[in-house]
Amino acid sequence: MNPAPLDLPEDELSFLRDLVKGSRQKTHQVAWTDRDGVKRLTVLNQTEVVRLNAIAGRLRISKVEMMRQAAYIPAVRGGASPASGAPGVGEGAEGAGREGPGASSTEGSA
């Protein structure tokens, strides 16, 4: 039995579809240490892990080292980043509430 269709704007329906789609995908976790010494756990979808592997492979370093070095990339100020508003690095499977590229939480928190 299907529930009644939601009466929401198209952009919200699209957002919700993307959340469900992302939740159904296999996730990959990368545990790494941030520049301030805090242990981080970043959850990536398949597309994100493939891209991270490609970048890290090109530089001949591990995903963990790539994330550690990426922590030193200055934040974009005064405007949206290229990945904002669309699934990209740091968004995807279980991406609700994440803040953007490379967003992660401390290990062990929900």
N, C-alpha and C. Protein backbone atom coordinates (compact mmCIF):
# COMPACT_ATOMS: atom_id res chain seq x y z
N MET A 1 0.85 -1.17 0.00
CA MET A 1 0.00 0.00 0.00
C MET A 1 0.90 1.24 0.00
N ASN A 2 0.69 2.10 -0.96
CA ASN A 2 1.48 3.33 -1.07
C ASN A 2 0.79 4.45 -0.29
N PRO A 3 1.57 5.25 0.45
CA PRO A 3 0.98 6.40 1.14
C PRO A 3 0.58 7.48 0.13
N ALA A 4 -0.26 8.39 0.57
CA ALA A 4 -0.65 9.51 -0.29
C ALA A 4 0.58 10.32 -0.67
N PRO A 5 0.62 10.85 -1.91
CA PRO A 5 1.78 11.65 -2.32
C PRO A 5 1.95 12.88 -1.43
N LEU A 6 3.20 13.22 -1.19
CA LEU A 6 3.51 14.39 -0.37
C LEU A 6 3.24 15.66 -1.16
N ASP A 7 2.64 16.63 -0.50
CA ASP A 7 2.37 17.92 -1.13
C ASP A 7 3.50 18.88 -0.76
N LEU A 8 4.63 18.73 -1.47
CA LEU A 8 5.83 19.53 -1.20
C LEU A 8 6.32 20.13 -2.50
N PRO A 9 7.08 21.23 -2.40
CA PRO A 9 7.69 21.81 -3.61
C PRO A 9 8.65 20.80 -4.26
N GLU A 10 8.84 20.92 -5.55
CA GLU A 10 9.68 19.98 -6.30
C GLU A 10 11.11 19.90 -5.76
N ASP A 11 11.69 21.02 -5.34
CA ASP A 11 13.06 20.98 -4.83
C ASP A 11 13.16 20.15 -3.54
N GLU A 12 12.13 20.18 -2.71
CA GLU A 12 12.12 19.38 -1.49
C GLU A 12 11.89 17.90 -1.80
N LEU A 13 11.03 17.62 -2.78
CA LEU A 13 10.83 16.23 -3.20
C LEU A 13 12.13 15.65 -3.76
N SER A 14 12.83 16.44 -4.55
CA SER A 14 14.11 16.00 -5.12
C SER A 14 15.13 15.73 -4.02
N PHE A 15 15.19 16.63 -3.04
CA PHE A 15 16.09 16.45 -1.91
C PHE A 15 15.78 15.14 -1.17
N LEU A 16 14.52 14.89 -0.91
CA LEU A 16 14.12 13.68 -0.19
C LEU A 16 14.41 12.42 -1.00
N ARG A 17 14.18 12.48 -2.32
CA ARG A 17 14.51 11.34 -3.18
C ARG A 17 16.01 11.03 -3.11
N ASP A 18 16.82 12.09 -3.14
CA ASP A 18 18.27 11.90 -3.08
C ASP A 18 18.71 11.29 -1.75
N LEU A 19 18.05 11.69 -0.65
CA LEU A 19 18.38 11.10 0.64
C LEU A 19 18.09 9.61 0.67
N VAL A 20 16.93 9.24 0.16
CA VAL A 20 16.55 7.82 0.13
C VAL A 20 17.51 7.05 -0.77
N LYS A 21 17.80 7.60 -1.95
CA LYS A 21 18.71 6.95 -2.88
C LYS A 21 20.08 6.75 -2.23
N GLY A 22 20.58 7.78 -1.58
CA GLY A 22 21.88 7.70 -0.92
C GLY A 22 21.89 6.69 0.21
N SER A 23 20.81 6.58 0.93
CA SER A 23 20.73 5.63 2.04
C SER A 23 20.76 4.19 1.56
N ARG A 24 20.38 3.96 0.34
CA ARG A 24 20.35 2.60 -0.21
C ARG A 24 21.68 2.18 -0.82
N GLN A 25 22.61 3.12 -0.92
CA GLN A 25 23.91 2.82 -1.51
C GLN A 25 24.88 2.31 -0.46
N LYS A 26 25.85 1.53 -0.91
CA LYS A 26 26.91 1.06 -0.03
C LYS A 26 27.76 2.26 0.38
N THR A 27 28.13 2.29 1.66
CA THR A 27 28.96 3.39 2.15
C THR A 27 30.38 2.88 2.44
N HIS A 28 31.29 3.81 2.46
CA HIS A 28 32.69 3.54 2.78
C HIS A 28 33.10 4.51 3.87
N GLN A 29 33.80 4.01 4.87
CA GLN A 29 34.23 4.86 5.96
C GLN A 29 35.74 5.04 5.90
N VAL A 30 36.16 6.28 6.10
CA VAL A 30 37.59 6.60 6.14
C VAL A 30 37.87 7.22 7.50
N ALA A 31 38.64 6.51 8.32
CA ALA A 31 39.04 7.04 9.63
C ALA A 31 40.37 7.77 9.43
N TRP A 32 40.43 9.00 9.93
CA TRP A 32 41.64 9.80 9.75
C TRP A 32 41.78 10.76 10.92
N THR A 33 42.93 11.40 11.03
CA THR A 33 43.18 12.35 12.11
C THR A 33 43.25 13.76 11.53
N ASP A 34 42.42 14.63 12.08
CA ASP A 34 42.34 16.02 11.62
C ASP A 34 43.61 16.76 12.02
N ARG A 35 43.80 17.96 11.49
CA ARG A 35 45.02 18.73 11.76
C ARG A 35 45.16 19.11 13.22
N ASP A 36 44.05 19.14 13.98
CA ASP A 36 44.12 19.46 15.40
C ASP A 36 44.25 18.20 16.27
N GLY A 37 44.45 17.05 15.63
CA GLY A 37 44.65 15.81 16.35
C GLY A 37 43.38 15.03 16.68
N VAL A 38 42.22 15.56 16.28
CA VAL A 38 40.94 14.90 16.55
C VAL A 38 40.74 13.77 15.54
N LYS A 39 40.36 12.60 16.05
CA LYS A 39 40.06 11.46 15.19
C LYS A 39 38.73 11.73 14.48
N ARG A 40 38.70 11.53 13.19
CA ARG A 40 37.50 11.76 12.38
C ARG A 40 37.11 10.48 11.66
N LEU A 41 35.84 10.37 11.35
CA LEU A 41 35.32 9.27 10.55
C LEU A 41 34.43 9.87 9.48
N THR A 42 34.84 9.77 8.23
CA THR A 42 34.08 10.33 7.12
C THR A 42 33.41 9.20 6.36
N VAL A 43 32.11 9.33 6.15
CA VAL A 43 31.33 8.33 5.42
C VAL A 43 31.15 8.83 3.98
N LEU A 44 31.56 7.99 3.03
CA LEU A 44 31.51 8.34 1.61
C LEU A 44 30.64 7.36 0.86
N ASN A 45 29.96 7.84 -0.18
CA ASN A 45 29.24 6.91 -1.05
C ASN A 45 30.22 6.39 -2.10
N GLN A 46 29.75 5.49 -2.96
CA GLN A 46 30.63 4.86 -3.94
C GLN A 46 31.29 5.87 -4.87
N THR A 47 30.54 6.85 -5.34
CA THR A 47 31.09 7.87 -6.25
C THR A 47 32.19 8.66 -5.56
N GLU A 48 31.95 9.03 -4.30
CA GLU A 48 32.92 9.83 -3.56
C GLU A 48 34.20 9.04 -3.29
N VAL A 49 34.08 7.76 -2.92
CA VAL A 49 35.28 6.98 -2.62
C VAL A 49 36.10 6.72 -3.88
N VAL A 50 35.42 6.55 -5.01
CA VAL A 50 36.15 6.38 -6.28
C VAL A 50 36.95 7.64 -6.60
N ARG A 51 36.32 8.80 -6.41
CA ARG A 51 37.01 10.07 -6.70
C ARG A 51 38.17 10.29 -5.72
N LEU A 52 37.93 10.02 -4.43
CA LEU A 52 39.00 10.16 -3.43
C LEU A 52 40.16 9.23 -3.76
N ASN A 53 39.86 7.98 -4.13
CA ASN A 53 40.91 7.02 -4.50
C ASN A 53 41.69 7.51 -5.71
N ALA A 54 41.00 8.10 -6.68
CA ALA A 54 41.68 8.59 -7.89
C ALA A 54 42.64 9.72 -7.55
N ILE A 55 42.19 10.65 -6.72
CA ILE A 55 43.05 11.78 -6.34
C ILE A 55 44.24 11.28 -5.53
N ALA A 56 43.96 10.44 -4.53
CA ALA A 56 45.03 9.91 -3.67
C ALA A 56 46.01 9.07 -4.50
N GLY A 57 45.48 8.26 -5.41
CA GLY A 57 46.33 7.43 -6.26
C GLY A 57 47.23 8.26 -7.15
N ARG A 58 46.69 9.33 -7.68
CA ARG A 58 47.49 10.21 -8.54
C ARG A 58 48.65 10.83 -7.75
N LEU A 59 48.41 11.10 -6.46
CA LEU A 59 49.45 11.68 -5.60
C LEU A 59 50.31 10.61 -4.91
N ARG A 60 49.93 9.35 -5.13
CA ARG A 60 50.63 8.19 -4.54
C ARG A 60 50.63 8.23 -3.01
N ILE A 61 49.45 8.54 -2.46
CA ILE A 61 49.26 8.52 -1.01
C ILE A 61 47.97 7.78 -0.70
N SER A 62 47.76 7.44 0.55
CA SER A 62 46.56 6.72 0.97
C SER A 62 45.37 7.66 1.10
N LYS A 63 44.17 7.08 1.17
CA LYS A 63 42.96 7.88 1.41
C LYS A 63 43.08 8.61 2.74
N VAL A 64 43.61 7.93 3.74
CA VAL A 64 43.75 8.52 5.07
C VAL A 64 44.66 9.74 5.01
N GLU A 65 45.79 9.61 4.34
CA GLU A 65 46.72 10.73 4.20
C GLU A 65 46.12 11.84 3.36
N MET A 66 45.34 11.48 2.34
CA MET A 66 44.69 12.49 1.51
C MET A 66 43.73 13.32 2.34
N MET A 67 42.94 12.68 3.20
CA MET A 67 42.00 13.40 4.06
C MET A 67 42.75 14.30 5.04
N ARG A 68 43.86 13.79 5.59
CA ARG A 68 44.64 14.59 6.53
C ARG A 68 45.18 15.84 5.84
N GLN A 69 45.71 15.68 4.65
CA GLN A 69 46.23 16.83 3.91
C GLN A 69 45.12 17.77 3.46
N ALA A 70 43.96 17.22 3.12
CA ALA A 70 42.82 18.04 2.68
C ALA A 70 42.32 18.94 3.81
N ALA A 71 42.55 18.55 5.05
CA ALA A 71 42.12 19.37 6.19
C ALA A 71 42.83 20.73 6.20
N TYR A 72 43.94 20.84 5.52
CA TYR A 72 44.68 22.10 5.47
C TYR A 72 44.25 23.00 4.31
N ILE A 73 43.35 22.53 3.46
CA ILE A 73 42.86 23.36 2.35
C ILE A 73 41.98 24.45 2.95
N PRO A 74 42.27 25.71 2.67
CA PRO A 74 41.46 26.80 3.25
C PRO A 74 40.00 26.71 2.81
N ALA A 75 39.11 27.09 3.72
CA ALA A 75 37.68 27.12 3.41
C ALA A 75 37.39 28.23 2.41
N VAL A 76 36.39 28.02 1.59
CA VAL A 76 35.95 29.04 0.64
C VAL A 76 35.14 30.07 1.41
N ARG A 77 35.51 31.32 1.29
CA ARG A 77 34.81 32.38 2.03
C ARG A 77 34.05 33.27 1.05
N GLY A 78 32.93 33.81 1.50
CA GLY A 78 32.19 34.77 0.72
C GLY A 78 31.39 34.19 -0.43
N GLY A 79 31.19 32.90 -0.44
CA GLY A 79 30.39 32.30 -1.50
C GLY A 79 30.28 30.81 -1.31
N ALA A 80 29.42 30.22 -2.10
CA ALA A 80 29.19 28.78 -2.00
C ALA A 80 30.34 28.03 -2.67
N SER A 81 30.62 26.87 -2.15
CA SER A 81 31.62 26.02 -2.78
C SER A 81 31.00 25.37 -4.00
N PRO A 82 31.80 24.89 -4.94
CA PRO A 82 31.26 24.28 -6.15
C PRO A 82 30.37 23.09 -5.87
N ALA A 83 30.57 22.39 -4.76
CA ALA A 83 29.79 21.19 -4.46
C ALA A 83 28.52 21.50 -3.68
N SER A 84 28.32 22.75 -3.27
CA SER A 84 27.15 23.03 -2.44
C SER A 84 25.87 22.87 -3.26
N GLY A 85 24.88 22.31 -2.62
CA GLY A 85 23.59 22.13 -3.27
C GLY A 85 23.49 20.88 -4.10
N ALA A 86 24.58 20.17 -4.29
CA ALA A 86 24.54 18.93 -5.06
C ALA A 86 25.37 17.89 -4.34
N PRO A 87 24.98 16.63 -4.42
CA PRO A 87 25.78 15.60 -3.78
C PRO A 87 27.20 15.61 -4.32
N GLY A 88 28.14 15.56 -3.44
CA GLY A 88 29.54 15.56 -3.84
C GLY A 88 30.35 15.00 -2.70
N VAL A 89 31.61 15.33 -2.64
CA VAL A 89 32.43 14.83 -1.57
C VAL A 89 31.85 15.30 -0.26
N GLY A 90 31.63 14.39 0.66
CA GLY A 90 31.08 14.72 1.95
C GLY A 90 29.59 14.63 2.02
N GLU A 91 28.92 14.32 0.92
CA GLU A 91 27.48 14.14 0.94
C GLU A 91 27.17 12.83 0.26
N GLY A 92 25.98 12.39 0.41
CA GLY A 92 25.58 11.15 -0.23
C GLY A 92 24.93 10.26 0.77
N ALA A 93 25.33 9.01 0.80
CA ALA A 93 24.72 8.06 1.71
C ALA A 93 24.74 8.60 3.12
N GLU A 94 23.62 8.64 3.71
CA GLU A 94 23.45 9.17 5.06
C GLU A 94 24.00 10.59 5.14
N GLY A 95 23.84 11.36 4.08
CA GLY A 95 24.40 12.69 4.02
C GLY A 95 23.57 13.75 4.71
N ALA A 96 22.40 13.40 5.25
CA ALA A 96 21.56 14.40 5.89
C ALA A 96 22.30 15.03 7.05
N GLY A 97 22.29 16.33 7.11
CA GLY A 97 22.92 17.04 8.21
C GLY A 97 24.40 17.26 8.03
N ARG A 98 24.96 16.76 6.98
CA ARG A 98 26.39 16.97 6.76
C ARG A 98 26.59 18.34 6.19
N GLU A 99 27.75 18.87 6.39
CA GLU A 99 27.96 20.27 6.11
C GLU A 99 28.67 20.57 4.81
N GLY A 100 29.09 19.58 4.07
CA GLY A 100 29.73 19.87 2.80
C GLY A 100 30.93 19.00 2.58
N PRO A 101 31.81 19.38 1.67
CA PRO A 101 32.95 18.56 1.31
C PRO A 101 33.78 18.16 2.51
N GLY A 102 33.98 16.85 2.67
CA GLY A 102 34.82 16.35 3.74
C GLY A 102 34.21 16.46 5.11
N ALA A 103 32.94 16.85 5.23
CA ALA A 103 32.31 16.97 6.55
C ALA A 103 32.37 15.63 7.24
N SER A 104 32.68 15.67 8.50
CA SER A 104 32.78 14.43 9.25
C SER A 104 32.50 14.70 10.70
N SER A 105 32.41 13.64 11.43
CA SER A 105 32.16 13.77 12.87
C SER A 105 33.27 13.07 13.61
N THR A 106 33.32 13.29 14.92
CA THR A 106 34.32 12.59 15.69
C THR A 106 33.94 11.13 15.74
N GLU A 107 34.92 10.29 15.80
CA GLU A 107 34.68 8.85 15.78
C GLU A 107 33.83 8.45 16.97
N GLY A 108 32.82 7.63 16.72
CA GLY A 108 31.98 7.12 17.78
C GLY A 108 30.74 7.94 18.04
N SER A 109 30.60 9.11 17.43
CA SER A 109 29.38 9.89 17.64
C SER A 109 28.39 9.59 16.53
N ALA A 110 27.14 9.86 16.78
CA ALA A 110 26.12 9.54 15.78
C ALA A 110 25.73 10.75 14.99
